[in-house]
Amino acid sequence: MKMCSYLHVVYKGFFSTLISQLLFEFPEMNAMIMRRFSLPGDVDRARQYVLQSDGVQQTTYLAQRYCHEAVREISKLRPSPERDALIQLSEIVLTRDK
């Protein structure tokens, strides 16, 4: 699997985690998703749900756990520029703003 494809899967996984948490806390959000946020106020209401939810914090916590586990496993590889780049990549994923 190409690295960009892998990162896309990881991103989708964390995005799905956030959506699952939001749907658990705010079941009415399902209707907004199904209609693709097409009604006036849908986007603003969804934004409010995200701000009220602890889903972002839970998703961030999961990302940190997975990255730390990845670094622990990657560190078992023999030292190399590639190994160092993978470790650095995990740090970038956790500290980026977008």
N, C-alpha and C. Protein backbone atom coordinates (compact mmCIF):
# COMPACT_ATOMS: atom_id res chain seq x y z
N MET A 1 0.85 -1.18 0.00
CA MET A 1 0.00 0.00 0.00
C MET A 1 0.89 1.24 0.00
N LYS A 2 0.59 2.19 -0.87
CA LYS A 2 1.36 3.44 -0.91
C LYS A 2 1.13 4.22 0.38
N MET A 3 2.15 5.00 0.76
CA MET A 3 2.06 5.76 2.00
C MET A 3 0.87 6.72 1.98
N CYS A 4 0.64 7.40 0.85
CA CYS A 4 -0.48 8.35 0.81
C CYS A 4 -1.81 7.62 0.99
N SER A 5 -1.93 6.42 0.45
CA SER A 5 -3.15 5.64 0.64
C SER A 5 -3.30 5.24 2.09
N TYR A 6 -2.20 4.85 2.72
CA TYR A 6 -2.24 4.45 4.12
C TYR A 6 -2.68 5.62 5.00
N LEU A 7 -2.10 6.79 4.75
CA LEU A 7 -2.46 7.97 5.54
C LEU A 7 -3.93 8.33 5.34
N HIS A 8 -4.42 8.13 4.12
CA HIS A 8 -5.82 8.40 3.84
C HIS A 8 -6.71 7.47 4.67
N VAL A 9 -6.34 6.21 4.75
CA VAL A 9 -7.10 5.24 5.55
C VAL A 9 -7.06 5.63 7.02
N VAL A 10 -5.89 6.02 7.51
CA VAL A 10 -5.77 6.44 8.90
C VAL A 10 -6.65 7.66 9.15
N TYR A 11 -6.58 8.63 8.26
CA TYR A 11 -7.40 9.83 8.41
C TYR A 11 -8.88 9.45 8.45
N LYS A 12 -9.30 8.61 7.50
CA LYS A 12 -10.70 8.19 7.45
C LYS A 12 -11.09 7.48 8.73
N GLY A 13 -10.20 6.67 9.27
CA GLY A 13 -10.49 5.96 10.51
C GLY A 13 -10.74 6.90 11.66
N PHE A 14 -9.90 7.91 11.80
CA PHE A 14 -10.08 8.86 12.89
C PHE A 14 -11.30 9.73 12.65
N PHE A 15 -11.54 10.08 11.40
CA PHE A 15 -12.73 10.85 11.08
C PHE A 15 -13.98 10.04 11.44
N SER A 16 -13.97 8.75 11.10
CA SER A 16 -15.10 7.88 11.43
C SER A 16 -15.30 7.78 12.93
N THR A 17 -14.22 7.76 13.68
CA THR A 17 -14.31 7.71 15.14
C THR A 17 -15.03 8.95 15.66
N LEU A 18 -14.67 10.09 15.15
CA LEU A 18 -15.31 11.34 15.57
C LEU A 18 -16.80 11.33 15.21
N ILE A 19 -17.12 10.92 13.99
CA ILE A 19 -18.52 10.88 13.57
C ILE A 19 -19.31 9.90 14.43
N SER A 20 -18.74 8.75 14.72
CA SER A 20 -19.43 7.77 15.57
C SER A 20 -19.75 8.36 16.94
N GLN A 21 -18.78 9.06 17.50
CA GLN A 21 -18.99 9.69 18.80
C GLN A 21 -20.09 10.76 18.72
N LEU A 22 -20.05 11.55 17.67
CA LEU A 22 -21.07 12.60 17.51
C LEU A 22 -22.47 12.00 17.35
N LEU A 23 -22.57 10.92 16.58
CA LEU A 23 -23.87 10.28 16.39
C LEU A 23 -24.39 9.66 17.68
N PHE A 24 -23.48 9.17 18.51
CA PHE A 24 -23.87 8.62 19.80
C PHE A 24 -24.44 9.72 20.70
N GLU A 25 -23.76 10.86 20.71
CA GLU A 25 -24.18 11.96 21.57
C GLU A 25 -25.36 12.74 21.00
N PHE A 26 -25.41 12.85 19.67
CA PHE A 26 -26.43 13.66 19.00
C PHE A 26 -27.03 12.85 17.85
N PRO A 27 -27.95 11.92 18.13
CA PRO A 27 -28.51 11.06 17.09
C PRO A 27 -29.17 11.83 15.94
N GLU A 28 -29.66 13.02 16.23
CA GLU A 28 -30.32 13.82 15.18
C GLU A 28 -29.34 14.24 14.09
N MET A 29 -28.05 14.12 14.35
CA MET A 29 -27.06 14.48 13.34
C MET A 29 -27.09 13.52 12.15
N ASN A 30 -27.59 12.32 12.36
CA ASN A 30 -27.66 11.35 11.27
C ASN A 30 -28.48 11.90 10.10
N ALA A 31 -29.60 12.54 10.40
CA ALA A 31 -30.44 13.11 9.34
C ALA A 31 -29.68 14.18 8.57
N MET A 32 -28.90 14.99 9.27
CA MET A 32 -28.13 16.04 8.59
C MET A 32 -27.09 15.42 7.66
N ILE A 33 -26.45 14.36 8.12
CA ILE A 33 -25.44 13.69 7.29
C ILE A 33 -26.10 13.09 6.06
N MET A 34 -27.24 12.42 6.26
CA MET A 34 -27.92 11.77 5.14
C MET A 34 -28.36 12.77 4.07
N ARG A 35 -28.71 13.97 4.49
CA ARG A 35 -29.12 14.98 3.50
C ARG A 35 -27.93 15.86 3.09
N ARG A 36 -26.74 15.46 3.52
CA ARG A 36 -25.49 16.15 3.16
C ARG A 36 -25.48 17.61 3.59
N PHE A 37 -26.01 17.87 4.76
CA PHE A 37 -26.01 19.21 5.36
C PHE A 37 -26.60 20.25 4.40
N SER A 38 -27.67 19.88 3.71
CA SER A 38 -28.23 20.74 2.66
C SER A 38 -29.24 21.77 3.16
N LEU A 39 -29.77 21.60 4.36
CA LEU A 39 -30.74 22.56 4.87
C LEU A 39 -30.03 23.73 5.57
N PRO A 40 -30.65 24.91 5.51
CA PRO A 40 -30.06 26.04 6.22
C PRO A 40 -29.88 25.71 7.71
N GLY A 41 -28.73 26.03 8.23
CA GLY A 41 -28.45 25.80 9.64
C GLY A 41 -27.80 24.46 9.95
N ASP A 42 -27.81 23.52 8.99
CA ASP A 42 -27.21 22.21 9.25
C ASP A 42 -25.74 22.31 9.62
N VAL A 43 -25.00 23.08 8.86
CA VAL A 43 -23.55 23.18 9.10
C VAL A 43 -23.28 23.83 10.45
N ASP A 44 -24.00 24.90 10.74
CA ASP A 44 -23.81 25.58 12.03
C ASP A 44 -24.18 24.66 13.20
N ARG A 45 -25.27 23.92 13.06
CA ARG A 45 -25.68 23.00 14.12
C ARG A 45 -24.64 21.89 14.31
N ALA A 46 -24.13 21.36 13.20
CA ALA A 46 -23.09 20.32 13.30
C ALA A 46 -21.84 20.87 13.97
N ARG A 47 -21.48 22.10 13.64
CA ARG A 47 -20.31 22.73 14.27
C ARG A 47 -20.53 22.84 15.78
N GLN A 48 -21.73 23.22 16.18
CA GLN A 48 -22.05 23.31 17.61
C GLN A 48 -21.95 21.95 18.28
N TYR A 49 -22.43 20.92 17.61
CA TYR A 49 -22.34 19.57 18.16
C TYR A 49 -20.88 19.16 18.38
N VAL A 50 -20.04 19.48 17.41
CA VAL A 50 -18.61 19.15 17.54
C VAL A 50 -18.02 19.88 18.74
N LEU A 51 -18.37 21.15 18.90
CA LEU A 51 -17.84 21.93 20.02
C LEU A 51 -18.35 21.42 21.37
N GLN A 52 -19.59 20.94 21.41
CA GLN A 52 -20.18 20.44 22.65
C GLN A 52 -19.71 19.03 22.99
N SER A 53 -19.29 18.30 22.00
CA SER A 53 -18.92 16.89 22.18
C SER A 53 -17.50 16.76 22.72
N ASP A 54 -17.23 15.61 23.31
CA ASP A 54 -15.85 15.31 23.68
C ASP A 54 -15.21 14.40 22.63
N GLY A 55 -15.86 14.27 21.47
CA GLY A 55 -15.36 13.41 20.40
C GLY A 55 -14.00 13.80 19.88
N VAL A 56 -13.75 15.11 19.78
CA VAL A 56 -12.44 15.56 19.29
C VAL A 56 -11.35 15.14 20.28
N GLN A 57 -11.61 15.31 21.57
CA GLN A 57 -10.63 14.92 22.58
C GLN A 57 -10.41 13.40 22.56
N GLN A 58 -11.49 12.64 22.42
CA GLN A 58 -11.36 11.19 22.38
C GLN A 58 -10.60 10.74 21.14
N THR A 59 -10.87 11.38 20.01
CA THR A 59 -10.18 11.03 18.78
C THR A 59 -8.70 11.40 18.88
N THR A 60 -8.40 12.54 19.47
CA THR A 60 -7.01 12.94 19.68
C THR A 60 -6.29 11.95 20.58
N TYR A 61 -6.96 11.53 21.64
CA TYR A 61 -6.38 10.54 22.55
C TYR A 61 -6.06 9.23 21.81
N LEU A 62 -7.00 8.77 20.99
CA LEU A 62 -6.75 7.55 20.21
C LEU A 62 -5.58 7.72 19.26
N ALA A 63 -5.51 8.87 18.59
CA ALA A 63 -4.41 9.13 17.67
C ALA A 63 -3.07 9.09 18.42
N GLN A 64 -3.03 9.68 19.60
CA GLN A 64 -1.80 9.66 20.39
C GLN A 64 -1.42 8.24 20.77
N ARG A 65 -2.39 7.46 21.20
CA ARG A 65 -2.11 6.07 21.57
C ARG A 65 -1.54 5.29 20.40
N TYR A 66 -2.18 5.41 19.23
CA TYR A 66 -1.72 4.68 18.05
C TYR A 66 -0.34 5.14 17.60
N CYS A 67 -0.09 6.43 17.64
CA CYS A 67 1.22 6.95 17.25
C CYS A 67 2.31 6.49 18.21
N HIS A 68 2.03 6.52 19.50
CA HIS A 68 3.03 6.06 20.47
C HIS A 68 3.32 4.57 20.29
N GLU A 69 2.29 3.79 20.03
CA GLU A 69 2.49 2.36 19.77
C GLU A 69 3.31 2.15 18.50
N ALA A 70 3.02 2.94 17.47
CA ALA A 70 3.78 2.84 16.22
C ALA A 70 5.25 3.18 16.45
N VAL A 71 5.52 4.24 17.19
CA VAL A 71 6.91 4.62 17.47
C VAL A 71 7.61 3.53 18.27
N ARG A 72 6.91 2.93 19.21
CA ARG A 72 7.50 1.85 20.00
C ARG A 72 7.91 0.68 19.09
N GLU A 73 7.04 0.33 18.14
CA GLU A 73 7.34 -0.77 17.22
C GLU A 73 8.42 -0.37 16.21
N ILE A 74 8.33 0.83 15.69
CA ILE A 74 9.32 1.31 14.72
C ILE A 74 10.70 1.37 15.36
N SER A 75 10.76 1.71 16.62
CA SER A 75 12.04 1.82 17.33
C SER A 75 12.77 0.49 17.43
N LYS A 76 12.06 -0.61 17.21
CA LYS A 76 12.69 -1.93 17.23
C LYS A 76 13.49 -2.21 15.96
N LEU A 77 13.24 -1.42 14.92
CA LEU A 77 13.98 -1.58 13.66
C LEU A 77 15.41 -1.08 13.85
N ARG A 78 16.29 -1.57 13.00
CA ARG A 78 17.68 -1.10 13.10
C ARG A 78 17.71 0.38 12.74
N PRO A 79 18.61 1.14 13.38
CA PRO A 79 18.71 2.58 13.09
C PRO A 79 18.95 2.84 11.61
N SER A 80 18.21 3.77 11.06
CA SER A 80 18.36 4.15 9.65
C SER A 80 17.63 5.47 9.43
N PRO A 81 17.96 6.15 8.34
CA PRO A 81 17.23 7.39 8.02
C PRO A 81 15.73 7.12 7.82
N GLU A 82 15.41 5.96 7.26
CA GLU A 82 14.01 5.63 7.03
C GLU A 82 13.26 5.46 8.35
N ARG A 83 13.88 4.78 9.30
CA ARG A 83 13.26 4.60 10.61
C ARG A 83 13.04 5.96 11.27
N ASP A 84 14.06 6.81 11.21
CA ASP A 84 13.95 8.14 11.81
C ASP A 84 12.84 8.96 11.14
N ALA A 85 12.70 8.80 9.82
CA ALA A 85 11.65 9.53 9.10
C ALA A 85 10.26 9.06 9.53
N LEU A 86 10.10 7.77 9.75
CA LEU A 86 8.81 7.25 10.22
C LEU A 86 8.47 7.79 11.61
N ILE A 87 9.47 7.84 12.47
CA ILE A 87 9.24 8.39 13.81
C ILE A 87 8.87 9.87 13.72
N GLN A 88 9.59 10.59 12.88
CA GLN A 88 9.30 12.01 12.70
C GLN A 88 7.89 12.21 12.12
N LEU A 89 7.49 11.34 11.21
CA LEU A 89 6.16 11.44 10.62
C LEU A 89 5.07 11.30 11.69
N SER A 90 5.27 10.39 12.62
CA SER A 90 4.27 10.23 13.68
C SER A 90 4.18 11.49 14.54
N GLU A 91 5.30 12.16 14.76
CA GLU A 91 5.29 13.40 15.53
C GLU A 91 4.57 14.51 14.76
N ILE A 92 4.77 14.54 13.45
CA ILE A 92 4.10 15.54 12.61
C ILE A 92 2.59 15.33 12.64
N VAL A 93 2.17 14.09 12.54
CA VAL A 93 0.74 13.78 12.55
C VAL A 93 0.08 14.29 13.83
N LEU A 94 0.77 14.15 14.94
CA LEU A 94 0.18 14.55 16.22
C LEU A 94 0.20 16.06 16.46
N THR A 95 1.10 16.77 15.81
CA THR A 95 1.25 18.19 16.11
C THR A 95 0.73 19.12 15.01
N ARG A 96 0.28 18.57 13.91
CA ARG A 96 -0.19 19.44 12.82
C ARG A 96 -1.52 20.06 13.18
N ASP A 97 -1.81 21.20 12.56
CA ASP A 97 -3.05 21.91 12.83
C ASP A 97 -4.17 21.50 11.89
N LYS A 98 -3.83 21.05 10.71
CA LYS A 98 -4.86 20.68 9.72
C LYS A 98 -4.74 19.24 9.37
